[in-house]
Every structure is written in C-alpha cells, then in structure tokens.
Amino acid sequence: IFAVSNDGIPQEFDAIRKGEIDATVSQPADLYAKYAL
C-alpha cells in the first residue's frame, strides 16, 4: 500500500529506506525553531 506522510522525522526516513512507506514532506523543524526565535 503506497503511503505518503508529512513531517520529515528520522523515523519516516527509516521507513522509506525499508520500503514501508514511500514518501514524506519534510517540515523544517530546525528552521521553525530558528526563525521563530
């Protein structure tokens, strides 16, 4: 079952490498923190 997600966390990347899910949209958690401050 083809699966696409939103977030871009390491766990999603591992799942993509394993073929468990197929894609995600990487929300920039680092830049959210940096530019909010």
PDB file of all heavy atoms in Angstrom:
ATOM      1  N   ILE A   1       0.867  -1.180   0.000  1.00  0.00           N
ATOM      2  CA  ILE A   1       0.000   0.000   0.000  1.00  0.00           C
ATOM      3  C   ILE A   1       0.901   1.227   0.000  1.00  0.00           C
ATOM      4  O   ILE A   1       1.705   1.417   0.922  1.00  0.00           O
ATOM      5  CB  ILE A   1      -0.928   0.013   1.230  1.00  0.00           C
ATOM      6  CG1 ILE A   1      -1.874  -1.186   1.177  1.00  0.00           C
ATOM      7  CG2 ILE A   1      -1.728   1.310   1.282  1.00  0.00           C
ATOM      8  CD1 ILE A   1      -2.804  -1.286   2.375  1.00  0.00           C
ATOM      9  N   PHE A   2       0.785   2.027  -1.031  1.00  0.00           N
ATOM     10  CA  PHE A   2       1.633   3.210  -1.141  1.00  0.00           C
ATOM     11  C   PHE A   2       1.211   4.247  -0.102  1.00  0.00           C
ATOM     12  O   PHE A   2       0.025   4.560   0.042  1.00  0.00           O
ATOM     13  CB  PHE A   2       1.553   3.804  -2.545  1.00  0.00           C
ATOM     14  CG  PHE A   2       2.216   2.948  -3.585  1.00  0.00           C
ATOM     15  CD1 PHE A   2       1.481   2.042  -4.337  1.00  0.00           C
ATOM     16  CD2 PHE A   2       3.584   3.031  -3.792  1.00  0.00           C
ATOM     17  CE1 PHE A   2       2.091   1.232  -5.290  1.00  0.00           C
ATOM     18  CE2 PHE A   2       4.211   2.221  -4.735  1.00  0.00           C
ATOM     19  CZ  PHE A   2       3.463   1.324  -5.487  1.00  0.00           C
ATOM     20  N   ALA A   3       2.199   4.762   0.633  1.00  0.00           N
ATOM     21  CA  ALA A   3       1.913   5.694   1.716  1.00  0.00           C
ATOM     22  C   ALA A   3       2.805   6.915   1.622  1.00  0.00           C
ATOM     23  O   ALA A   3       4.015   6.805   1.414  1.00  0.00           O
ATOM     24  CB  ALA A   3       2.117   5.010   3.074  1.00  0.00           C
ATOM     25  N   VAL A   4       2.192   8.082   1.776  1.00  0.00           N
ATOM     26  CA  VAL A   4       2.930   9.343   1.818  1.00  0.00           C
ATOM     27  C   VAL A   4       2.531  10.073   3.086  1.00  0.00           C
ATOM     28  O   VAL A   4       1.370  10.025   3.514  1.00  0.00           O
ATOM     29  CB  VAL A   4       2.654  10.206   0.564  1.00  0.00           C
ATOM     30  CG1 VAL A   4       1.180  10.538   0.442  1.00  0.00           C
ATOM     31  CG2 VAL A   4       3.481  11.482   0.593  1.00  0.00           C
ATOM     32  N   SER A   5       3.496  10.720   3.706  1.00  0.00           N
ATOM     33  CA  SER A   5       3.291  11.343   5.001  1.00  0.00           C
ATOM     34  C   SER A   5       3.712  12.807   4.961  1.00  0.00           C
ATOM     35  O   SER A   5       4.166  13.316   3.935  1.00  0.00           O
ATOM     36  CB  SER A   5       4.099  10.570   6.054  1.00  0.00           C
ATOM     37  OG  SER A   5       3.820  11.020   7.346  1.00  0.00           O
ATOM     38  N   ASN A   6       3.542  13.484   6.089  1.00  0.00           N
ATOM     39  CA  ASN A   6       4.038  14.846   6.283  1.00  0.00           C
ATOM     40  C   ASN A   6       4.788  14.904   7.608  1.00  0.00           C
ATOM     41  O   ASN A   6       4.265  14.425   8.606  1.00  0.00           O
ATOM     42  CB  ASN A   6       2.901  15.874   6.351  1.00  0.00           C
ATOM     43  CG  ASN A   6       2.109  16.029   5.082  1.00  0.00           C
ATOM     44  OD1 ASN A   6       0.972  16.473   5.110  1.00  0.00           O
ATOM     45  ND2 ASN A   6       2.673  15.662   3.953  1.00  0.00           N
ATOM     46  N   ASP A   7       5.966  15.439   7.618  1.00  0.00           N
ATOM     47  CA  ASP A   7       6.761  15.793   8.799  1.00  0.00           C
ATOM     48  C   ASP A   7       8.260  15.776   8.498  1.00  0.00           C
ATOM     49  O   ASP A   7       8.939  16.772   8.707  1.00  0.00           O
ATOM     50  CB  ASP A   7       6.474  14.933  10.034  1.00  0.00           C
ATOM     51  CG  ASP A   7       5.346  15.493  10.889  1.00  0.00           C
ATOM     52  OD1 ASP A   7       4.944  16.647  10.626  1.00  0.00           O
ATOM     53  OD2 ASP A   7       4.849  14.803  11.786  1.00  0.00           O
ATOM     54  N   GLY A   8       8.789  14.636   8.055  1.00  0.00           N
ATOM     55  CA  GLY A   8      10.217  14.573   7.788  1.00  0.00           C
ATOM     56  C   GLY A   8      11.043  14.166   8.982  1.00  0.00           C
ATOM     57  O   GLY A   8      12.225  14.523   9.088  1.00  0.00           O
ATOM     58  N   ILE A   9      10.448  13.373   9.882  1.00  0.00           N
ATOM     59  CA  ILE A   9      11.186  12.903  11.054  1.00  0.00           C
ATOM     60  C   ILE A   9      12.093  11.730  10.668  1.00  0.00           C
ATOM     61  O   ILE A   9      11.865  11.067   9.657  1.00  0.00           O
ATOM     62  CB  ILE A   9      10.214  12.478  12.174  1.00  0.00           C
ATOM     63  CG1 ILE A   9       9.256  11.390  11.672  1.00  0.00           C
ATOM     64  CG2 ILE A   9       9.434  13.678  12.699  1.00  0.00           C
ATOM     65  CD1 ILE A   9       8.343  10.828  12.748  1.00  0.00           C
ATOM     66  N   PRO A  10      13.123  11.452  11.451  1.00  0.00           N
ATOM     67  CA  PRO A  10      14.024  10.341  11.128  1.00  0.00           C
ATOM     68  C   PRO A  10      13.305   9.007  10.974  1.00  0.00           C
ATOM     69  O   PRO A  10      13.702   8.173  10.147  1.00  0.00           O
ATOM     70  CB  PRO A  10      14.996  10.317  12.316  1.00  0.00           C
ATOM     71  CG  PRO A  10      15.009  11.730  12.820  1.00  0.00           C
ATOM     72  CD  PRO A  10      13.606  12.219  12.623  1.00  0.00           C
ATOM     73  N   GLN A  11      12.263   8.787  11.764  1.00  0.00           N
ATOM     74  CA  GLN A  11      11.540   7.519  11.685  1.00  0.00           C
ATOM     75  C   GLN A  11      10.883   7.345  10.312  1.00  0.00           C
ATOM     76  O   GLN A  11      10.800   6.224   9.795  1.00  0.00           O
ATOM     77  CB  GLN A  11      10.484   7.450  12.792  1.00  0.00           C
ATOM     78  CG  GLN A  11      11.065   7.394  14.201  1.00  0.00           C
ATOM     79  CD  GLN A  11      11.293   8.773  14.808  1.00  0.00           C
ATOM     80  OE1 GLN A  11      11.498   9.754  14.104  1.00  0.00           O
ATOM     81  NE2 GLN A  11      11.252   8.832  16.123  1.00  0.00           N
ATOM     82  N   GLU A  12      10.405   8.427   9.731  1.00  0.00           N
ATOM     83  CA  GLU A  12       9.832   8.338   8.385  1.00  0.00           C
ATOM     84  C   GLU A  12      10.914   8.008   7.363  1.00  0.00           C
ATOM     85  O   GLU A  12      10.697   7.202   6.446  1.00  0.00           O
ATOM     86  CB  GLU A  12       9.166   9.662   8.010  1.00  0.00           C
ATOM     87  CG  GLU A  12       7.861   9.923   8.721  1.00  0.00           C
ATOM     88  CD  GLU A  12       7.360  11.334   8.459  1.00  0.00           C
ATOM     89  OE1 GLU A  12       8.113  12.303   8.733  1.00  0.00           O
ATOM     90  OE2 GLU A  12       6.239  11.474   7.955  1.00  0.00           O
ATOM     91  N   PHE A  13      12.073   8.624   7.520  1.00  0.00           N
ATOM     92  CA  PHE A  13      13.177   8.347   6.592  1.00  0.00           C
ATOM     93  C   PHE A  13      13.576   6.872   6.665  1.00  0.00           C
ATOM     94  O   PHE A  13      13.833   6.231   5.637  1.00  0.00           O
ATOM     95  CB  PHE A  13      14.382   9.226   6.915  1.00  0.00           C
ATOM     96  CG  PHE A  13      14.165  10.693   6.588  1.00  0.00           C
ATOM     97  CD1 PHE A  13      12.979  11.150   6.041  1.00  0.00           C
ATOM     98  CD2 PHE A  13      15.176  11.607   6.818  1.00  0.00           C
ATOM     99  CE1 PHE A  13      12.792  12.491   5.731  1.00  0.00           C
ATOM    100  CE2 PHE A  13      15.009  12.954   6.514  1.00  0.00           C
ATOM    101  CZ  PHE A  13      13.814  13.390   5.985  1.00  0.00           C
ATOM    102  N   ASP A  14      13.632   6.320   7.877  1.00  0.00           N
ATOM    103  CA  ASP A  14      13.965   4.902   8.035  1.00  0.00           C
ATOM    104  C   ASP A  14      12.907   4.029   7.352  1.00  0.00           C
ATOM    105  O   ASP A  14      13.237   3.019   6.719  1.00  0.00           O
ATOM    106  CB  ASP A  14      14.074   4.541   9.508  1.00  0.00           C
ATOM    107  CG  ASP A  14      15.322   5.117  10.167  1.00  0.00           C
ATOM    108  OD1 ASP A  14      16.255   5.486   9.420  1.00  0.00           O
ATOM    109  OD2 ASP A  14      15.365   5.188  11.409  1.00  0.00           O
ATOM    110  N   ALA A  15      11.641   4.423   7.504  1.00  0.00           N
ATOM    111  CA  ALA A  15      10.561   3.652   6.887  1.00  0.00           C
ATOM    112  C   ALA A  15      10.632   3.729   5.363  1.00  0.00           C
ATOM    113  O   ALA A  15      10.330   2.746   4.676  1.00  0.00           O
ATOM    114  CB  ALA A  15       9.202   4.158   7.382  1.00  0.00           C
ATOM    115  N   ILE A  16      11.047   4.864   4.827  1.00  0.00           N
ATOM    116  CA  ILE A  16      11.219   4.993   3.378  1.00  0.00           C
ATOM    117  C   ILE A  16      12.355   4.088   2.912  1.00  0.00           C
ATOM    118  O   ILE A  16      12.243   3.386   1.903  1.00  0.00           O
ATOM    119  CB  ILE A  16      11.491   6.454   2.993  1.00  0.00           C
ATOM    120  CG1 ILE A  16      10.234   7.305   3.203  1.00  0.00           C
ATOM    121  CG2 ILE A  16      11.946   6.558   1.530  1.00  0.00           C
ATOM    122  CD1 ILE A  16      10.451   8.794   3.012  1.00  0.00           C
ATOM    123  N   ARG A  17      13.463   4.090   3.656  1.00  0.00           N
ATOM    124  CA  ARG A  17      14.609   3.238   3.287  1.00  0.00           C
ATOM    125  C   ARG A  17      14.221   1.751   3.295  1.00  0.00           C
ATOM    126  O   ARG A  17      14.691   0.974   2.470  1.00  0.00           O
ATOM    127  CB  ARG A  17      15.763   3.484   4.252  1.00  0.00           C
ATOM    128  CG  ARG A  17      16.381   4.885   4.159  1.00  0.00           C
ATOM    129  CD  ARG A  17      17.575   5.029   5.079  1.00  0.00           C
ATOM    130  NE  ARG A  17      18.094   6.389   5.058  1.00  0.00           N
ATOM    131  CZ  ARG A  17      17.889   7.291   6.019  1.00  0.00           C
ATOM    132  NH1 ARG A  17      17.181   6.956   7.098  1.00  0.00           N
ATOM    133  NH2 ARG A  17      18.391   8.504   5.919  1.00  0.00           N
ATOM    134  N   LYS A  18      13.358   1.367   4.224  1.00  0.00           N
ATOM    135  CA  LYS A  18      12.936  -0.024   4.339  1.00  0.00           C
ATOM    136  C   LYS A  18      11.839  -0.389   3.340  1.00  0.00           C
ATOM    137  O   LYS A  18      11.483  -1.560   3.211  1.00  0.00           O
ATOM    138  CB  LYS A  18      12.424  -0.302   5.757  1.00  0.00           C
ATOM    139  CG  LYS A  18      13.481  -0.198   6.835  1.00  0.00           C
ATOM    140  CD  LYS A  18      12.841  -0.371   8.219  1.00  0.00           C
ATOM    141  CE  LYS A  18      13.855  -0.211   9.333  1.00  0.00           C
ATOM    142  NZ  LYS A  18      13.212  -0.302  10.676  1.00  0.00           N
ATOM    143  N   GLY A  19      11.282   0.609   2.662  1.00  0.00           N
ATOM    144  CA  GLY A  19      10.188   0.350   1.738  1.00  0.00           C
ATOM    145  C   GLY A  19       8.843   0.208   2.415  1.00  0.00           C
ATOM    146  O   GLY A  19       7.874  -0.256   1.807  1.00  0.00           O
ATOM    147  N   GLU A  20       8.746   0.642   3.692  1.00  0.00           N
ATOM    148  CA  GLU A  20       7.486   0.520   4.427  1.00  0.00           C
ATOM    149  C   GLU A  20       6.522   1.635   4.054  1.00  0.00           C
ATOM    150  O   GLU A  20       5.301   1.432   4.005  1.00  0.00           O
ATOM    151  CB  GLU A  20       7.767   0.527   5.929  1.00  0.00           C
ATOM    152  CG  GLU A  20       8.578  -0.685   6.377  1.00  0.00           C
ATOM    153  CD  GLU A  20       9.012  -0.600   7.821  1.00  0.00           C
ATOM    154  OE1 GLU A  20       9.048   0.525   8.380  1.00  0.00           O
ATOM    155  OE2 GLU A  20       9.325  -1.656   8.411  1.00  0.00           O
ATOM    156  N   ILE A  21       7.044   2.861   3.866  1.00  0.00           N
ATOM    157  CA  ILE A  21       6.273   3.946   3.279  1.00  0.00           C
ATOM    158  C   ILE A  21       7.079   4.458   2.093  1.00  0.00           C
ATOM    159  O   ILE A  21       8.226   4.048   1.876  1.00  0.00           O
ATOM    160  CB  ILE A  21       5.954   5.071   4.280  1.00  0.00           C
ATOM    161  CG1 ILE A  21       7.212   5.864   4.666  1.00  0.00           C
ATOM    162  CG2 ILE A  21       5.250   4.532   5.514  1.00  0.00           C
ATOM    163  CD1 ILE A  21       6.915   7.119   5.458  1.00  0.00           C
ATOM    164  N   ASP A  22       6.500   5.371   1.333  1.00  0.00           N
ATOM    165  CA  ASP A  22       7.111   5.731   0.065  1.00  0.00           C
ATOM    166  C   ASP A  22       7.578   7.178  -0.027  1.00  0.00           C
ATOM    167  O   ASP A  22       8.456   7.484  -0.830  1.00  0.00           O
ATOM    168  CB  ASP A  22       6.117   5.436  -1.054  1.00  0.00           C
ATOM    169  CG  ASP A  22       5.686   3.980  -1.026  1.00  0.00           C
ATOM    170  OD1 ASP A  22       6.392   3.150  -1.607  1.00  0.00           O
ATOM    171  OD2 ASP A  22       4.660   3.677  -0.377  1.00  0.00           O
ATOM    172  N   ALA A  23       7.004   8.054   0.791  1.00  0.00           N
ATOM    173  CA  ALA A  23       7.397   9.468   0.692  1.00  0.00           C
ATOM    174  C   ALA A  23       6.907  10.222   1.916  1.00  0.00           C
ATOM    175  O   ALA A  23       6.002   9.776   2.636  1.00  0.00           O
ATOM    176  CB  ALA A  23       6.812  10.097  -0.573  1.00  0.00           C
ATOM    177  N   THR A  24       7.519  11.376   2.148  1.00  0.00           N
ATOM    178  CA  THR A  24       7.032  12.315   3.147  1.00  0.00           C
ATOM    179  C   THR A  24       7.406  13.717   2.701  1.00  0.00           C
ATOM    180  O   THR A  24       8.317  13.898   1.892  1.00  0.00           O
ATOM    181  CB  THR A  24       7.614  12.032   4.544  1.00  0.00           C
ATOM    182  OG1 THR A  24       6.968  12.885   5.515  1.00  0.00           O
ATOM    183  CG2 THR A  24       9.114  12.294   4.600  1.00  0.00           C
ATOM    184  N   VAL A  25       6.691  14.688   3.222  1.00  0.00           N
ATOM    185  CA  VAL A  25       7.056  16.087   3.013  1.00  0.00           C
ATOM    186  C   VAL A  25       7.789  16.544   4.261  1.00  0.00           C
ATOM    187  O   VAL A  25       7.276  16.415   5.377  1.00  0.00           O
ATOM    188  CB  VAL A  25       5.819  16.970   2.761  1.00  0.00           C
ATOM    189  CG1 VAL A  25       6.232  18.433   2.631  1.00  0.00           C
ATOM    190  CG2 VAL A  25       5.093  16.518   1.495  1.00  0.00           C
ATOM    191  N   SER A  26       9.007  17.039   4.087  1.00  0.00           N
ATOM    192  CA  SER A  26       9.850  17.393   5.225  1.00  0.00           C
ATOM    193  C   SER A  26       9.531  18.794   5.725  1.00  0.00           C
ATOM    194  O   SER A  26       9.911  19.793   5.124  1.00  0.00           O
ATOM    195  CB  SER A  26      11.331  17.311   4.831  1.00  0.00           C
ATOM    196  OG  SER A  26      12.153  17.717   5.903  1.00  0.00           O
ATOM    197  N   GLN A  27       8.831  18.853   6.857  1.00  0.00           N
ATOM    198  CA  GLN A  27       8.626  20.140   7.524  1.00  0.00           C
ATOM    199  C   GLN A  27       9.920  20.504   8.239  1.00  0.00           C
ATOM    200  O   GLN A  27      10.477  19.679   8.954  1.00  0.00           O
ATOM    201  CB  GLN A  27       7.511  20.041   8.566  1.00  0.00           C
ATOM    202  CG  GLN A  27       6.133  19.839   8.026  1.00  0.00           C
ATOM    203  CD  GLN A  27       5.098  20.119   9.099  1.00  0.00           C
ATOM    204  OE1 GLN A  27       4.642  21.233   9.245  1.00  0.00           O
ATOM    205  NE2 GLN A  27       4.752  19.102   9.862  1.00  0.00           N
ATOM    206  N   PRO A  28      10.372  21.747   8.101  1.00  0.00           N
ATOM    207  CA  PRO A  28      11.681  22.101   8.669  1.00  0.00           C
ATOM    208  C   PRO A  28      11.629  22.412  10.161  1.00  0.00           C
ATOM    209  O   PRO A  28      11.581  23.566  10.574  1.00  0.00           O
ATOM    210  CB  PRO A  28      12.064  23.339   7.860  1.00  0.00           C
ATOM    211  CG  PRO A  28      10.753  23.976   7.520  1.00  0.00           C
ATOM    212  CD  PRO A  28       9.781  22.837   7.308  1.00  0.00           C
ATOM    213  N   ALA A  29      11.649  21.383  10.989  1.00  0.00           N
ATOM    214  CA  ALA A  29      11.588  21.585  12.438  1.00  0.00           C
ATOM    215  C   ALA A  29      12.715  22.471  12.928  1.00  0.00           C
ATOM    216  O   ALA A  29      12.539  23.285  13.841  1.00  0.00           O
ATOM    217  CB  ALA A  29      11.637  20.237  13.159  1.00  0.00           C
ATOM    218  N   ASP A  30      13.898  22.316  12.326  1.00  0.00           N
ATOM    219  CA  ASP A  30      15.040  23.131  12.744  1.00  0.00           C
ATOM    220  C   ASP A  30      14.827  24.599  12.401  1.00  0.00           C
ATOM    221  O   ASP A  30      15.043  25.491  13.237  1.00  0.00           O
ATOM    222  CB  ASP A  30      16.333  22.613  12.115  1.00  0.00           C
ATOM    223  CG  ASP A  30      16.267  22.492  10.601  1.00  0.00           C
ATOM    224  OD1 ASP A  30      15.157  22.514  10.015  1.00  0.00           O
ATOM    225  OD2 ASP A  30      17.343  22.358   9.975  1.00  0.00           O
ATOM    226  N   LEU A  31      14.360  24.868  11.179  1.00  0.00           N
ATOM    227  CA  LEU A  31      14.160  26.258  10.758  1.00  0.00           C
ATOM    228  C   LEU A  31      12.940  26.881  11.430  1.00  0.00           C
ATOM    229  O   LEU A  31      12.903  28.101  11.629  1.00  0.00           O
ATOM    230  CB  LEU A  31      14.032  26.332   9.240  1.00  0.00           C
ATOM    231  CG  LEU A  31      15.250  25.841   8.450  1.00  0.00           C
ATOM    232  CD1 LEU A  31      15.051  26.073   6.959  1.00  0.00           C
ATOM    233  CD2 LEU A  31      16.529  26.521   8.937  1.00  0.00           C
ATOM    234  N   TYR A  32      11.952  26.063  11.778  1.00  0.00           N
ATOM    235  CA  TYR A  32      10.834  26.594  12.553  1.00  0.00           C
ATOM    236  C   TYR A  32      11.357  27.204  13.850  1.00  0.00           C
ATOM    237  O   TYR A  32      10.982  28.319  14.236  1.00  0.00           O
ATOM    238  CB  TYR A  32       9.843  25.472  12.886  1.00  0.00           C
ATOM    239  CG  TYR A  32       8.843  25.140  11.798  1.00  0.00           C
ATOM    240  CD1 TYR A  32       8.886  25.742  10.551  1.00  0.00           C
ATOM    241  CD2 TYR A  32       7.847  24.194  12.027  1.00  0.00           C
ATOM    242  CE1 TYR A  32       7.973  25.419   9.560  1.00  0.00           C
ATOM    243  CE2 TYR A  32       6.919  23.868  11.042  1.00  0.00           C
ATOM    244  CZ  TYR A  32       6.985  24.480   9.812  1.00  0.00           C
ATOM    245  OH  TYR A  32       6.067  24.156   8.840  1.00  0.00           O
ATOM    246  N   ALA A  33      12.205  26.456  14.543  1.00  0.00           N
ATOM    247  CA  ALA A  33      12.751  26.945  15.812  1.00  0.00           C
ATOM    248  C   ALA A  33      13.642  28.158  15.592  1.00  0.00           C
ATOM    249  O   ALA A  33      13.530  29.182  16.290  1.00  0.00           O
ATOM    250  CB  ALA A  33      13.529  25.832  16.501  1.00  0.00           C
ATOM    251  N   LYS A  34      14.531  28.076  14.605  1.00  0.00           N
ATOM    252  CA  LYS A  34      15.500  29.154  14.368  1.00  0.00           C
ATOM    253  C   LYS A  34      14.814  30.468  14.034  1.00  0.00           C
ATOM    254  O   LYS A  34      15.099  31.506  14.645  1.00  0.00           O
ATOM    255  CB  LYS A  34      16.448  28.755  13.242  1.00  0.00           C
ATOM    256  CG  LYS A  34      17.472  29.829  12.889  1.00  0.00           C
ATOM    257  CD  LYS A  34      18.421  29.337  11.799  1.00  0.00           C
ATOM    258  CE  LYS A  34      19.480  30.381  11.473  1.00  0.00           C
ATOM    259  NZ  LYS A  34      20.429  29.877  10.441  1.00  0.00           N
ATOM    260  N   TYR A  35      13.905  30.426  13.078  1.00  0.00           N
ATOM    261  CA  TYR A  35      13.333  31.695  12.616  1.00  0.00           C
ATOM    262  C   TYR A  35      12.185  32.178  13.491  1.00  0.00           C
ATOM    263  O   TYR A  35      11.915  33.383  13.530  1.00  0.00           O
ATOM    264  CB  TYR A  35      12.953  31.593  11.141  1.00  0.00           C
ATOM    265  CG  TYR A  35      14.213  31.587  10.301  1.00  0.00           C
ATOM    266  CD1 TYR A  35      14.698  30.419   9.736  1.00  0.00           C
ATOM    267  CD2 TYR A  35      14.977  32.746  10.155  1.00  0.00           C
ATOM    268  CE1 TYR A  35      15.889  30.405   9.020  1.00  0.00           C
ATOM    269  CE2 TYR A  35      16.162  32.747   9.445  1.00  0.00           C
ATOM    270  CZ  TYR A  35      16.610  31.570   8.880  1.00  0.00           C
ATOM    271  OH  TYR A  35      17.801  31.568   8.195  1.00  0.00           O
ATOM    272  N   ALA A  36      11.538  31.300  14.236  1.00  0.00           N
ATOM    273  CA  ALA A  36      10.572  31.768  15.223  1.00  0.00           C
ATOM    274  C   ALA A  36      11.274  32.628  16.261  1.00  0.00           C
ATOM    275  O   ALA A  36      10.818  33.732  16.601  1.00  0.00           O
ATOM    276  CB  ALA A  36       9.879  30.585  15.889  1.00  0.00           C
ATOM    277  N   LEU A  37      12.410  32.146  16.749  1.00  0.00           N
ATOM    278  CA  LEU A  37      13.177  32.908  17.737  1.00  0.00           C
ATOM    279  C   LEU A  37      13.787  34.162  17.111  1.00  0.00           C
ATOM    280  O   LEU A  37      13.833  35.233  17.736  1.00  0.00           O
ATOM    281  CB  LEU A  37      14.259  32.029  18.339  1.00  0.00           C
ATOM    282  CG  LEU A  37      13.752  30.874  19.211  1.00  0.00           C
ATOM    283  CD1 LEU A  37      14.866  29.887  19.508  1.00  0.00           C
ATOM    284  CD2 LEU A  37      13.156  31.413  20.508  1.00  0.00           C
TER     285      LEU A  37
END
